[in-house]
Amino acid sequence: MRDVTVYTADPCRLCHLAKTLLEARGVSYQEVNLTKDPDGRAELVRKTGLMTFPQIVIDDEPLGGLTELRAADSDGRLQELLAA
């Protein structure tokens, strides 16, 4: 399985929902909380082009936020991305 990173901030209901979905699918992930890390937020923007939370990255490839995660889960693409 590939490396999954979830970039979060506090408080963030959408971040919680994204982590819950991943956990329900048995996906282990590393959480990076950027609440008090302006440099980390700037790096996230460089990496993903976005500054909204959550941001899910699979092996350095941005997937997107909760909406994209849910879409990938519902159409079976999430498992494909994780197995690639």
C-alpha atoms as a PDB file:
ATOM      1  CA  MET A   1       0.000   0.000   0.000  1.00  0.00           C
ATOM      2  CA  ARG A   2       1.206   3.496  -0.803  1.00  0.00           C
ATOM      3  CA  ASP A   3       1.985   6.305   1.654  1.00  0.00           C
ATOM      4  CA  VAL A   4      -1.011   8.470   2.492  1.00  0.00           C
ATOM      5  CA  THR A   5      -0.664  11.876   4.132  1.00  0.00           C
ATOM      6  CA  VAL A   6      -3.618  13.891   5.401  1.00  0.00           C
ATOM      7  CA  TYR A   7      -2.941  17.581   5.936  1.00  0.00           C
ATOM      8  CA  THR A   8      -5.276  18.987   8.563  1.00  0.00           C
ATOM      9  CA  ALA A   9      -5.974  22.055  10.681  1.00  0.00           C
ATOM     10  CA  ASP A  10      -7.906  22.613  13.928  1.00  0.00           C
ATOM     11  CA  PRO A  11     -10.812  22.776  14.245  1.00  0.00           C
ATOM     12  CA  CYS A  12     -11.864  21.050  11.049  1.00  0.00           C
ATOM     13  CA  ARG A  13     -14.980  18.892  10.763  1.00  0.00           C
ATOM     14  CA  LEU A  14     -14.099  17.954   7.168  1.00  0.00           C
ATOM     15  CA  CYS A  15     -10.655  16.755   8.299  1.00  0.00           C
ATOM     16  CA  HIS A  16     -12.303  14.507  10.877  1.00  0.00           C
ATOM     17  CA  LEU A  17     -14.657  13.090   8.234  1.00  0.00           C
ATOM     18  CA  ALA A  18     -11.769  12.394   5.836  1.00  0.00           C
ATOM     19  CA  LYS A  19      -9.783  10.587   8.530  1.00  0.00           C
ATOM     20  CA  THR A  20     -12.876   8.604   9.527  1.00  0.00           C
ATOM     21  CA  LEU A  21     -13.440   7.487   5.923  1.00  0.00           C
ATOM     22  CA  LEU A  22      -9.816   6.381   5.549  1.00  0.00           C
ATOM     23  CA  GLU A  23      -9.939   4.500   8.852  1.00  0.00           C
ATOM     24  CA  ALA A  24     -13.203   2.795   7.829  1.00  0.00           C
ATOM     25  CA  ARG A  25     -11.446   1.539   4.679  1.00  0.00           C
ATOM     26  CA  GLY A  26      -8.455   0.299   6.684  1.00  0.00           C
ATOM     27  CA  VAL A  27      -6.126   2.893   5.178  1.00  0.00           C
ATOM     28  CA  SER A  28      -3.257   3.917   7.418  1.00  0.00           C
ATOM     29  CA  TYR A  29      -2.125   7.489   7.026  1.00  0.00           C
ATOM     30  CA  GLN A  30       0.182  10.097   8.453  1.00  0.00           C
ATOM     31  CA  GLU A  31      -1.541  13.233   9.722  1.00  0.00           C
ATOM     32  CA  VAL A  32       0.225  16.570   9.386  1.00  0.00           C
ATOM     33  CA  ASN A  33      -1.572  19.244  11.390  1.00  0.00           C
ATOM     34  CA  LEU A  34      -0.738  22.691  10.020  1.00  0.00           C
ATOM     35  CA  THR A  35      -2.796  24.768  12.470  1.00  0.00           C
ATOM     36  CA  LYS A  36       0.218  26.651  13.808  1.00  0.00           C
ATOM     37  CA  ASP A  37       2.667  26.125  10.971  1.00  0.00           C
ATOM     38  CA  PRO A  38       2.628  28.948   8.387  1.00  0.00           C
ATOM     39  CA  ASP A  39       5.697  27.527   6.618  1.00  0.00           C
ATOM     40  CA  GLY A  40       3.990  24.149   6.348  1.00  0.00           C
ATOM     41  CA  ARG A  41       0.890  25.800   4.893  1.00  0.00           C
ATOM     42  CA  ALA A  42       3.020  27.538   2.270  1.00  0.00           C
ATOM     43  CA  GLU A  43       4.644  24.197   1.392  1.00  0.00           C
ATOM     44  CA  LEU A  44       1.200  22.594   1.094  1.00  0.00           C
ATOM     45  CA  VAL A  45       0.139  25.295  -1.370  1.00  0.00           C
ATOM     46  CA  ARG A  46       3.296  24.654  -3.419  1.00  0.00           C
ATOM     47  CA  LYS A  47       2.641  20.899  -3.365  1.00  0.00           C
ATOM     48  CA  THR A  48      -1.118  20.874  -4.018  1.00  0.00           C
ATOM     49  CA  GLY A  49      -1.977  24.343  -5.286  1.00  0.00           C
ATOM     50  CA  LEU A  50      -4.604  24.559  -2.552  1.00  0.00           C
ATOM     51  CA  MET A  51      -4.825  25.875   0.982  1.00  0.00           C
ATOM     52  CA  THR A  52      -8.053  24.249   2.086  1.00  0.00           C
ATOM     53  CA  PHE A  53      -8.255  21.415   4.573  1.00  0.00           C
ATOM     54  CA  PRO A  54      -8.111  18.523   4.513  1.00  0.00           C
ATOM     55  CA  GLN A  55      -5.717  17.768   1.691  1.00  0.00           C
ATOM     56  CA  ILE A  56      -4.993  14.120   0.958  1.00  0.00           C
ATOM     57  CA  VAL A  57      -1.737  13.204  -0.749  1.00  0.00           C
ATOM     58  CA  ILE A  58      -0.896   9.679  -1.918  1.00  0.00           C
ATOM     59  CA  ASP A  59       2.815   9.091  -2.565  1.00  0.00           C
ATOM     60  CA  ASP A  60       3.406  12.822  -3.165  1.00  0.00           C
ATOM     61  CA  GLU A  61       0.483  12.987  -5.632  1.00  0.00           C
ATOM     62  CA  PRO A  62      -2.340  15.274  -4.452  1.00  0.00           C
ATOM     63  CA  LEU A  63      -5.776  13.642  -4.439  1.00  0.00           C
ATOM     64  CA  GLY A  64      -7.623  16.694  -3.110  1.00  0.00           C
ATOM     65  CA  GLY A  65      -9.936  17.289  -0.191  1.00  0.00           C
ATOM     66  CA  LEU A  66     -12.885  15.459   1.312  1.00  0.00           C
ATOM     67  CA  THR A  67     -15.039  15.831  -1.812  1.00  0.00           C
ATOM     68  CA  GLU A  68     -12.386  14.225  -4.016  1.00  0.00           C
ATOM     69  CA  LEU A  69     -11.693  11.528  -1.420  1.00  0.00           C
ATOM     70  CA  ARG A  70     -15.380  10.606  -1.248  1.00  0.00           C
ATOM     71  CA  ALA A  71     -15.661  10.555  -5.048  1.00  0.00           C
ATOM     72  CA  ALA A  72     -12.587   8.322  -5.374  1.00  0.00           C
ATOM     73  CA  ASP A  73     -13.993   6.020  -2.694  1.00  0.00           C
ATOM     74  CA  SER A  74     -17.437   5.757  -4.267  1.00  0.00           C
ATOM     75  CA  ASP A  75     -16.186   5.013  -7.789  1.00  0.00           C
ATOM     76  CA  GLY A  76     -13.529   2.485  -6.669  1.00  0.00           C
ATOM     77  CA  ARG A  77     -10.617   4.692  -7.706  1.00  0.00           C
ATOM     78  CA  LEU A  78      -9.344   5.064  -4.133  1.00  0.00           C
ATOM     79  CA  GLN A  79      -8.436   1.370  -3.895  1.00  0.00           C
ATOM     80  CA  GLU A  80      -6.757   1.575  -7.306  1.00  0.00           C
ATOM     81  CA  LEU A  81      -4.719   4.595  -6.230  1.00  0.00           C
ATOM     82  CA  LEU A  82      -3.650   2.878  -3.026  1.00  0.00           C
ATOM     83  CA  ALA A  83      -2.683  -0.347  -4.809  1.00  0.00           C
ATOM     84  CA  ALA A  84      -0.750   1.289  -7.651  1.00  0.00           C
END
